Amino acid sequence: MTNPYDSQNRKNSVLGPTLKFKGKLSADEDLLIQGQIEGTIRHTSNLTIGAEGKVSADVDAVYISVEGQVRGDLRGSESIIIKESADIEGNIISPTVSLYEGATFNGSISMKDPADVKAKPTPEPEVKASEPVAKETTTAAEESAPKKRRTTRKSASAA
């Protein structure tokens, strides 16, 4: 195995196929994921999900390349490449997207800057002025029943 730091000015990290990680993962160097990640990934450089990688997370990075499995949304501020061996269930948001023939993809693609795309709020049900508003109703038995009165008594000591 070669040292990923040799003959390069940039640092590279590799999360091997036996690694299992749950939580929030963040890094500022190129990263290759061959293991299993569950949670969130926030990355400021190149991120590659290798052929052995299995990611159940929403991923934010500058450049994203996927060869393995992803269950979650991908947000690439510059570019996302989906290779032929990739299996993705989630949405893709990036100004540049490449989807290779043979890749499995189930989701939507938005080719916008991820900073411009915000999570859609849950719509509130709207009530139209022309719709009738439910009124409190009483039954005939309730109307014919004697009304209850509230009475107060004065105590003998107060007189």
Protein backbone atom coordinates (compact mmCIF):
# COMPACT_ATOMS: atom_id res chain seq x y z
CA MET A 1 0.00 0.00 0.00
CA THR A 2 1.37 3.41 -0.91
CA ASN A 3 1.46 6.30 1.49
CA PRO A 4 -1.30 8.77 0.47
CA TYR A 5 0.94 11.68 1.59
CA ASP A 6 3.88 10.77 -0.69
CA SER A 7 4.62 12.87 -3.78
CA GLN A 8 1.66 15.17 -3.21
CA ASN A 9 1.32 18.65 -1.80
CA ARG A 10 -2.21 17.94 -0.67
CA LYS A 11 -3.07 15.69 2.23
CA ASN A 12 -5.33 12.72 1.61
CA SER A 13 -7.20 10.64 4.16
CA VAL A 14 -8.57 7.16 3.60
CA LEU A 15 -11.31 5.57 5.69
CA GLY A 16 -10.77 1.89 4.95
CA PRO A 17 -13.37 -0.78 4.27
CA THR A 18 -13.30 -2.15 7.85
CA LEU A 19 -14.05 1.27 9.38
CA LYS A 20 -17.55 1.96 10.73
CA PHE A 21 -18.33 5.52 11.85
CA LYS A 22 -21.49 7.07 13.33
CA GLY A 23 -21.80 10.80 13.91
CA LYS A 24 -20.68 14.06 12.34
CA LEU A 25 -17.65 13.78 10.08
CA SER A 26 -15.80 16.89 8.91
CA ALA A 27 -12.44 17.35 7.19
CA ASP A 28 -10.39 19.92 5.30
CA GLU A 29 -8.34 17.50 3.21
CA ASP A 30 -9.13 15.15 0.35
CA LEU A 31 -10.99 12.13 1.67
CA LEU A 32 -11.64 8.65 0.28
CA ILE A 33 -14.37 6.67 2.06
CA GLN A 34 -14.28 2.89 1.63
CA GLY A 35 -15.95 2.09 4.95
CA GLN A 36 -19.42 2.67 6.43
CA ILE A 37 -20.48 6.15 7.54
CA GLU A 38 -23.78 7.04 9.23
CA GLY A 39 -24.69 10.61 10.24
CA THR A 40 -23.58 13.78 8.46
CA ILE A 41 -20.52 14.68 6.40
CA ARG A 42 -19.34 18.31 6.06
CA HIS A 43 -16.25 18.62 3.91
CA THR A 44 -14.30 21.56 2.49
CA SER A 45 -12.37 19.70 -0.21
CA ASN A 46 -12.60 16.67 -2.52
CA LEU A 47 -14.67 13.77 -1.21
CA THR A 48 -14.74 10.36 -2.88
CA ILE A 49 -17.07 7.60 -1.80
CA GLY A 50 -15.24 4.55 -3.12
CA ALA A 51 -16.73 1.39 -4.59
CA GLU A 52 -16.70 -0.27 -1.14
CA GLY A 53 -18.07 2.81 0.63
CA LYS A 54 -21.54 2.77 2.19
CA VAL A 55 -22.80 6.14 3.37
CA SER A 56 -26.10 6.81 5.15
CA ALA A 57 -25.73 10.55 5.55
CA ASP A 58 -26.39 13.95 4.07
CA VAL A 59 -23.15 15.04 2.45
CA ASP A 60 -21.86 18.60 1.90
CA ALA A 61 -18.55 19.05 0.08
CA VAL A 62 -16.88 21.11 -2.63
CA TYR A 63 -16.32 18.21 -5.06
CA ILE A 64 -18.05 14.85 -4.58
CA SER A 65 -17.37 11.66 -6.53
CA VAL A 66 -19.50 8.58 -5.84
CA GLU A 67 -18.59 5.01 -6.80
CA GLY A 68 -20.30 3.25 -3.87
CA GLN A 69 -23.63 3.43 -2.04
CA VAL A 70 -25.24 6.62 -0.66
CA ARG A 71 -28.52 6.96 1.23
CA GLY A 72 -28.95 10.70 1.73
CA ASP A 73 -28.71 14.04 -0.03
CA LEU A 74 -25.54 15.19 -1.80
CA ARG A 75 -24.68 18.91 -1.92
CA GLY A 76 -21.61 19.85 -3.95
CA SER A 77 -20.71 23.53 -4.09
CA GLU A 78 -18.66 22.96 -7.30
CA SER A 79 -19.34 19.52 -8.80
CA ILE A 80 -20.76 16.03 -8.25
CA ILE A 81 -19.76 12.98 -10.30
CA ILE A 82 -21.82 9.78 -10.10
CA LYS A 83 -19.82 6.86 -11.51
CA GLU A 84 -21.31 3.76 -13.15
CA SER A 85 -20.90 1.62 -10.00
CA ALA A 86 -22.76 4.12 -7.78
CA ASP A 87 -26.07 3.36 -6.06
CA ILE A 88 -27.77 6.50 -4.75
CA GLU A 89 -31.09 7.15 -3.01
CA GLY A 90 -31.33 10.86 -2.33
CA ASN A 91 -31.28 14.26 -3.93
CA ILE A 92 -28.34 15.85 -5.72
CA ILE A 93 -27.74 19.60 -5.57
CA SER A 94 -24.78 21.10 -7.41
CA PRO A 95 -24.11 23.55 -10.24
CA THR A 96 -22.35 20.75 -12.19
CA VAL A 97 -23.54 17.12 -12.18
CA SER A 98 -22.20 14.15 -14.16
CA LEU A 99 -24.22 10.94 -14.07
CA TYR A 100 -22.52 8.00 -15.75
CA GLU A 101 -24.47 5.35 -17.62
CA GLY A 102 -25.03 2.30 -15.42
CA ALA A 103 -25.33 4.21 -12.14
CA THR A 104 -28.41 3.55 -10.03
CA PHE A 105 -30.05 6.79 -8.92
CA ASN A 106 -33.39 7.46 -7.24
CA GLY A 107 -34.03 11.08 -6.33
CA SER A 108 -34.00 14.53 -7.88
CA ILE A 109 -31.26 16.69 -9.33
CA SER A 110 -31.08 20.46 -8.85
CA MET A 111 -28.31 22.17 -10.77
CA LYS A 112 -28.19 25.25 -8.60
CA ASP A 113 -25.69 26.54 -6.11
CA PRO A 114 -26.46 24.60 -2.90
CA ALA A 115 -26.28 27.86 -0.94
CA ASP A 116 -29.30 29.09 -2.94
CA VAL A 117 -31.35 25.95 -2.27
CA LYS A 118 -32.88 25.89 1.19
CA ALA A 119 -34.90 23.12 2.77
CA LYS A 120 -38.53 23.46 1.83
CA PRO A 121 -40.68 24.31 4.84
CA THR A 122 -43.67 22.14 5.53
CA PRO A 123 -46.65 23.96 4.00
CA GLU A 124 -49.32 25.13 6.42
CA PRO A 125 -52.89 24.17 5.48
CA GLU A 126 -54.61 27.19 4.06
CA VAL A 127 -58.16 28.20 4.84
CA LYS A 128 -60.04 30.13 2.20
CA ALA A 129 -62.42 32.90 3.18
CA SER A 130 -65.15 31.36 1.04
CA GLU A 131 -65.03 28.06 2.95
CA PRO A 132 -67.63 27.69 5.72
CA VAL A 133 -66.23 27.69 9.23
CA ALA A 134 -67.48 24.96 11.56
CA LYS A 135 -69.90 26.32 14.16
CA GLU A 136 -70.66 24.87 17.55
CA THR A 137 -73.97 23.06 17.41
CA THR A 138 -76.28 21.65 20.04
CA THR A 139 -78.73 18.81 19.86
CA ALA A 140 -82.46 19.14 20.58
CA ALA A 141 -81.98 17.18 23.82
CA GLU A 142 -79.31 19.64 24.99
CA GLU A 143 -81.54 22.63 24.20
CA SER A 144 -84.55 21.22 26.11
CA ALA A 145 -82.46 20.28 29.17
CA PRO A 146 -82.73 22.68 32.10
CA LYS A 147 -79.94 25.24 32.26
CA LYS A 148 -77.55 24.97 35.17
CA ARG A 149 -77.26 28.02 37.36
CA ARG A 150 -74.37 28.99 39.42
CA THR A 151 -75.40 30.26 42.79
CA THR A 152 -73.45 31.59 45.68
CA ARG A 153 -74.48 31.52 49.28
CA LYS A 154 -73.58 33.99 51.89
CA SER A 155 -72.37 32.48 55.07
CA ALA A 156 -74.09 33.39 58.32
CA SER A 157 -70.92 34.97 59.68
CA ALA A 158 -70.73 37.45 56.77
CA ALA A 159 -74.20 38.90 57.54
